[in-house]
C-alpha atoms as a PDB file:
ATOM      1  CA  MET A   1      60.749 -21.784  42.653  1.00  0.00           C
ATOM      2  CA  ASN A   2      61.009 -18.282  41.564  1.00  0.00           C
ATOM      3  CA  ALA A   3      59.370 -15.635  43.749  1.00  0.00           C
ATOM      4  CA  HIS A   4      58.857 -13.557  40.641  1.00  0.00           C
ATOM      5  CA  GLY A   5      57.272 -14.806  37.463  1.00  0.00           C
ATOM      6  CA  GLY A   6      59.508 -13.805  34.655  1.00  0.00           C
ATOM      7  CA  ASN A   7      56.843 -12.899  32.128  1.00  0.00           C
ATOM      8  CA  GLU A   8      53.833 -11.484  34.026  1.00  0.00           C
ATOM      9  CA  ALA A   9      51.229  -9.592  32.019  1.00  0.00           C
ATOM     10  CA  GLY A  10      49.132  -6.696  33.381  1.00  0.00           C
ATOM     11  CA  PHE A  11      48.428  -2.974  33.222  1.00  0.00           C
ATOM     12  CA  THR A  12      50.604  -0.348  34.748  1.00  0.00           C
ATOM     13  CA  LEU A  13      49.143   2.466  36.798  1.00  0.00           C
ATOM     14  CA  ALA A  14      49.856   4.944  33.991  1.00  0.00           C
ATOM     15  CA  GLU A  15      47.895   2.858  31.477  1.00  0.00           C
ATOM     16  CA  VAL A  16      44.900   2.595  33.810  1.00  0.00           C
ATOM     17  CA  LEU A  17      44.925   6.379  34.397  1.00  0.00           C
ATOM     18  CA  VAL A  18      45.088   7.141  30.661  1.00  0.00           C
ATOM     19  CA  ALA A  19      42.220   4.732  29.939  1.00  0.00           C
ATOM     20  CA  THR A  20      40.155   6.306  32.739  1.00  0.00           C
ATOM     21  CA  LEU A  21      40.825   9.793  31.351  1.00  0.00           C
ATOM     22  CA  ILE A  22      39.703   8.745  27.866  1.00  0.00           C
ATOM     23  CA  ILE A  23      36.487   7.229  29.235  1.00  0.00           C
ATOM     24  CA  VAL A  24      35.727  10.360  31.307  1.00  0.00           C
ATOM     25  CA  ILE A  25      36.234  12.637  28.283  1.00  0.00           C
ATOM     26  CA  GLY A  26      33.944  10.440  26.181  1.00  0.00           C
ATOM     27  CA  LEU A  27      31.184  10.356  28.812  1.00  0.00           C
ATOM     28  CA  THR A  28      31.423  14.130  29.261  1.00  0.00           C
ATOM     29  CA  ALA A  29      30.920  14.609  25.518  1.00  0.00           C
ATOM     30  CA  VAL A  30      27.889  12.292  25.540  1.00  0.00           C
ATOM     31  CA  ALA A  31      26.363  14.097  28.556  1.00  0.00           C
ATOM     32  CA  THR A  32      26.867  17.475  26.847  1.00  0.00           C
ATOM     33  CA  GLY A  33      25.188  16.143  23.719  1.00  0.00           C
ATOM     34  CA  PHE A  34      22.181  15.032  25.752  1.00  0.00           C
ATOM     35  CA  GLN A  35      21.956  18.485  27.336  1.00  0.00           C
ATOM     36  CA  PHE A  36      21.960  20.205  23.932  1.00  0.00           C
ATOM     37  CA  GLY A  37      19.419  17.688  22.629  1.00  0.00           C
ATOM     38  CA  ALA A  38      17.060  18.315  25.552  1.00  0.00           C
ATOM     39  CA  ALA A  39      17.379  22.084  25.082  1.00  0.00           C
ATOM     40  CA  GLY A  40      16.598  21.679  21.375  1.00  0.00           C
ATOM     41  CA  ILE A  41      13.492  19.651  22.147  1.00  0.00           C
ATOM     42  CA  ALA A  42      12.263  22.294  24.623  1.00  0.00           C
ATOM     43  CA  THR A  43      12.910  25.066  22.094  1.00  0.00           C
ATOM     44  CA  GLY A  44      11.110  23.143  19.361  1.00  0.00           C
ATOM     45  CA  ARG A  45       8.114  22.543  21.619  1.00  0.00           C
ATOM     46  CA  SER A  46       7.851  26.242  22.464  1.00  0.00           C
ATOM     47  CA  GLU A  47       8.136  27.191  18.794  1.00  0.00           C
ATOM     48  CA  THR A  48       5.480  24.648  17.823  1.00  0.00           C
ATOM     49  CA  ILE A  49       3.072  25.988  20.447  1.00  0.00           C
ATOM     50  CA  ALA A  50       3.643  29.569  19.241  1.00  0.00           C
ATOM     51  CA  VAL A  51       2.956  28.593  15.623  1.00  0.00           C
ATOM     52  CA  PHE A  52      -0.131  26.638  16.700  1.00  0.00           C
ATOM     53  CA  LEU A  53      -1.529  29.640  18.606  1.00  0.00           C
ATOM     54  CA  ALA A  54      -0.933  31.960  15.639  1.00  0.00           C
ATOM     55  CA  GLU A  55      -2.558  29.531  13.187  1.00  0.00           C
ATOM     56  CA  GLN A  56      -5.469  28.968  15.576  1.00  0.00           C
ATOM     57  CA  ARG A  57      -6.239  32.698  15.667  1.00  0.00           C
ATOM     58  CA  LEU A  58      -5.863  33.044  11.902  1.00  0.00           C
ATOM     59  CA  GLU A  59      -8.270  30.152  11.306  1.00  0.00           C
ATOM     60  CA  GLN A  60     -10.807  31.688  13.724  1.00  0.00           C
ATOM     61  CA  LEU A  61     -10.694  34.948  11.772  1.00  0.00           C
ATOM     62  CA  LYS A  62     -10.961  33.174   8.412  1.00  0.00           C
ATOM     63  CA  ALA A  63     -14.072  31.391   9.683  1.00  0.00           C
ATOM     64  CA  VAL A  64     -15.579  34.757  10.657  1.00  0.00           C
ATOM     65  CA  ALA A  65     -14.735  36.125   7.191  1.00  0.00           C
ATOM     66  CA  LEU A  66     -16.602  33.270   5.516  1.00  0.00           C
ATOM     67  CA  VAL A  67     -19.773  33.814   7.530  1.00  0.00           C
ATOM     68  CA  ASN A  68     -19.889  37.495   8.391  1.00  0.00           C
ATOM     69  CA  PHE A  69     -17.257  39.659   6.703  1.00  0.00           C
ATOM     70  CA  ASN A  70     -18.822  43.090   7.316  1.00  0.00           C
ATOM     71  CA  GLY A  71     -20.267  42.624  10.828  1.00  0.00           C
ATOM     72  CA  PRO A  72     -21.843  43.425  13.170  1.00  0.00           C
ATOM     73  CA  TRP A  73     -19.841  40.831  15.078  1.00  0.00           C
ATOM     74  CA  PRO A  74     -21.052  39.104  18.207  1.00  0.00           C
ATOM     75  CA  SER A  75     -18.637  38.549  21.073  1.00  0.00           C
ATOM     76  CA  GLY A  76     -15.569  36.574  20.106  1.00  0.00           C
ATOM     77  CA  PRO A  77     -13.364  36.926  17.046  1.00  0.00           C
ATOM     78  CA  SER A  78     -14.244  39.808  14.767  1.00  0.00           C
ATOM     79  CA  LEU A  79     -12.806  41.403  11.664  1.00  0.00           C
ATOM     80  CA  ALA A  80     -13.038  44.947  13.015  1.00  0.00           C
ATOM     81  CA  ALA A  81      -9.904  46.942  12.241  1.00  0.00           C
ATOM     82  CA  GLY A  82      -7.676  47.330  15.259  1.00  0.00           C
ATOM     83  CA  THR A  83      -5.259  45.572  17.564  1.00  0.00           C
ATOM     84  CA  SER A  84      -6.076  43.002  20.219  1.00  0.00           C
ATOM     85  CA  THR A  85      -3.786  41.243  22.679  1.00  0.00           C
ATOM     86  CA  GLU A  86      -4.383  37.954  24.436  1.00  0.00           C
ATOM     87  CA  PHE A  87      -2.349  35.900  26.876  1.00  0.00           C
ATOM     88  CA  CYS A  88      -2.324  32.168  26.257  1.00  0.00           C
ATOM     89  CA  GLN A  89      -1.346  29.399  28.644  1.00  0.00           C
ATOM     90  CA  THR A  90       0.518  26.261  27.687  1.00  0.00           C
ATOM     91  CA  SER A  91      -1.456  23.733  29.708  1.00  0.00           C
ATOM     92  CA  ASP A  92      -3.871  21.640  27.630  1.00  0.00           C
ATOM     93  CA  ILE A  93      -2.833  23.561  24.522  1.00  0.00           C
ATOM     94  CA  GLY A  94      -5.097  22.796  21.590  1.00  0.00           C
ATOM     95  CA  THR A  95      -7.663  20.805  23.533  1.00  0.00           C
ATOM     96  CA  THR A  96      -9.987  23.788  23.879  1.00  0.00           C
ATOM     97  CA  GLY A  97     -10.387  27.158  22.228  1.00  0.00           C
ATOM     98  CA  THR A  98     -10.210  28.931  25.590  1.00  0.00           C
ATOM     99  CA  ASN A  99      -6.488  28.763  26.357  1.00  0.00           C
ATOM    100  CA  CYS A 100      -6.250  32.518  25.804  1.00  0.00           C
ATOM    101  CA  GLN A 101      -7.598  35.379  27.875  1.00  0.00           C
ATOM    102  CA  GLY A 102      -7.421  39.155  28.024  1.00  0.00           C
ATOM    103  CA  GLY A 103      -5.348  39.416  31.214  1.00  0.00           C
ATOM    104  CA  ALA A 104      -1.846  38.211  31.955  1.00  0.00           C
ATOM    105  CA  ILE A 105      -1.483  34.682  33.309  1.00  0.00           C
ATOM    106  CA  SER A 106       0.724  34.199  36.344  1.00  0.00           C
ATOM    107  CA  GLY A 107       2.325  31.024  37.617  1.00  0.00           C
ATOM    108  CA  THR A 108       2.886  29.418  34.212  1.00  0.00           C
ATOM    109  CA  MET A 109       4.769  30.075  31.005  1.00  0.00           C
ATOM    110  CA  SER A 110       2.507  32.141  28.800  1.00  0.00           C
ATOM    111  CA  TYR A 111       2.465  33.321  25.228  1.00  0.00           C
ATOM    112  CA  THR A 112       1.362  36.796  24.172  1.00  0.00           C
ATOM    113  CA  ARG A 113      -0.778  36.730  21.022  1.00  0.00           C
ATOM    114  CA  THR A 114      -1.293  40.059  19.262  1.00  0.00           C
ATOM    115  CA  THR A 115      -3.678  40.367  16.340  1.00  0.00           C
ATOM    116  CA  VAL A 116      -3.583  43.409  14.058  1.00  0.00           C
ATOM    117  CA  ILE A 117      -6.384  43.798  11.493  1.00  0.00           C
ATOM    118  CA  THR A 118      -6.261  46.623   8.965  1.00  0.00           C
ATOM    119  CA  ASP A 119      -8.751  47.545   6.274  1.00  0.00           C
ATOM    120  CA  SER A 120      -7.229  47.640   2.815  1.00  0.00           C
ATOM    121  CA  PRO A 121      -9.703  49.245   0.397  1.00  0.00           C
ATOM    122  CA  GLY A 122      -8.772  48.228  -3.104  1.00  0.00           C
ATOM    123  CA  GLY A 123      -5.401  46.983  -1.881  1.00  0.00           C
ATOM    124  CA  SER A 124      -3.159  44.692  -3.822  1.00  0.00           C
ATOM    125  CA  GLY A 125      -4.719  41.297  -4.306  1.00  0.00           C
ATOM    126  CA  CYS A 126      -8.238  42.715  -3.969  1.00  0.00           C
ATOM    127  CA  THR A 127      -9.973  42.221  -7.284  1.00  0.00           C
ATOM    128  CA  GLY A 128     -13.612  42.330  -8.204  1.00  0.00           C
ATOM    129  CA  VAL A 129     -16.328  44.940  -7.871  1.00  0.00           C
ATOM    130  CA  ALA A 130     -15.146  48.244  -6.387  1.00  0.00           C
ATOM    131  CA  PRO A 131     -14.988  49.225  -3.611  1.00  0.00           C
ATOM    132  CA  LEU A 132     -13.894  45.818  -2.395  1.00  0.00           C
ATOM    133  CA  ILE A 133     -12.407  45.957   1.062  1.00  0.00           C
ATOM    134  CA  CYS A 134      -9.798  43.447   2.040  1.00  0.00           C
ATOM    135  CA  LYS A 135      -8.677  42.830   5.564  1.00  0.00           C
ATOM    136  CA  ARG A 136      -5.007  42.352   6.245  1.00  0.00           C
ATOM    137  CA  ILE A 137      -4.362  40.216   9.289  1.00  0.00           C
ATOM    138  CA  ARG A 138      -1.121  39.888  11.210  1.00  0.00           C
ATOM    139  CA  VAL A 139      -0.924  37.507  14.160  1.00  0.00           C
ATOM    140  CA  SER A 140       2.207  37.702  16.319  1.00  0.00           C
ATOM    141  CA  VAL A 141       2.910  35.290  19.150  1.00  0.00           C
ATOM    142  CA  SER A 142       5.794  36.132  21.457  1.00  0.00           C
ATOM    143  CA  TYR A 143       7.232  34.162  24.338  1.00  0.00           C
ATOM    144  CA  ARG A 144      10.335  33.720  26.436  1.00  0.00           C
ATOM    145  CA  PRO A 145      11.715  30.200  26.083  1.00  0.00           C
ATOM    146  CA  VAL A 146      13.337  28.472  29.025  1.00  0.00           C
ATOM    147  CA  THR A 147      16.900  27.688  28.057  1.00  0.00           C
ATOM    148  CA  SER A 148      19.106  24.956  29.480  1.00  0.00           C
ATOM    149  CA  ARG A 149      20.571  27.536  31.855  1.00  0.00           C
ATOM    150  CA  GLY A 150      17.139  28.753  32.971  1.00  0.00           C
ATOM    151  CA  ASP A 151      17.645  32.065  31.156  1.00  0.00           C
ATOM    152  CA  LEU A 152      14.404  33.867  30.285  1.00  0.00           C
ATOM    153  CA  SER A 153      15.963  37.020  28.854  1.00  0.00           C
ATOM    154  CA  GLN A 154      15.563  36.371  25.145  1.00  0.00           C
ATOM    155  CA  LEU A 155      12.215  37.135  23.550  1.00  0.00           C
ATOM    156  CA  ARG A 156      11.179  35.010  20.578  1.00  0.00           C
ATOM    157  CA  LYS A 157       8.374  35.788  18.166  1.00  0.00           C
ATOM    158  CA  VAL A 158       6.361  34.062  15.458  1.00  0.00           C
ATOM    159  CA  ASP A 159       4.513  36.187  12.852  1.00  0.00           C
ATOM    160  CA  LEU A 160       1.808  35.012  10.459  1.00  0.00           C
ATOM    161  CA  PHE A 161       0.223  37.196   7.788  1.00  0.00           C
ATOM    162  CA  SER A 162      -2.945  36.746   5.773  1.00  0.00           C
ATOM    163  CA  GLN A 163      -5.386  38.727   3.692  1.00  0.00           C
ATOM    164  CA  VAL A 164      -9.122  38.003   3.509  1.00  0.00           C
ATOM    165  CA  ALA A 165     -11.877  39.381   1.310  1.00  0.00           C
ATOM    166  CA  PRO A 166     -15.659  38.940   1.288  1.00  0.00           C
ATOM    167  CA  ARG A 167     -17.177  36.144  -0.717  1.00  0.00           C
ATOM    168  CA  ASN A 168     -19.156  37.189  -3.771  1.00  0.00           C
END
């Protein structure tokens, strides 16, 4: 009998190492893709919350305009010209109308919502009996998103604009 088989099949050490290297490179690419995907989801969530908070404030002010355009306004949203700033928390977002408050919120990611209302007597888009006063509304929501590296240095902002007029 032969001690050696003449035609043995198998992999050499070099082939096994090359195959292992190819698998490691492929798995690294997949893991990197998952990391970018997770960061994109977190960014999209933050952006969605910011847009929601801006639209929420705009809808509150539109509701005030329908009922009581000229005031006097009770506590809560009013159409008085000026600037107001609120700090909104992300927990239970949208479940209540009280996510926002006048003072800064510590211990959680918060959004800063700034509302600027200006009177626009006879401004563009204001038609009807003079002197019709329109209100221009700008709602800005700014926040610092958490990136995949935990970096909070970049400030992001969402701006919404609207113009309201009294009902005739």
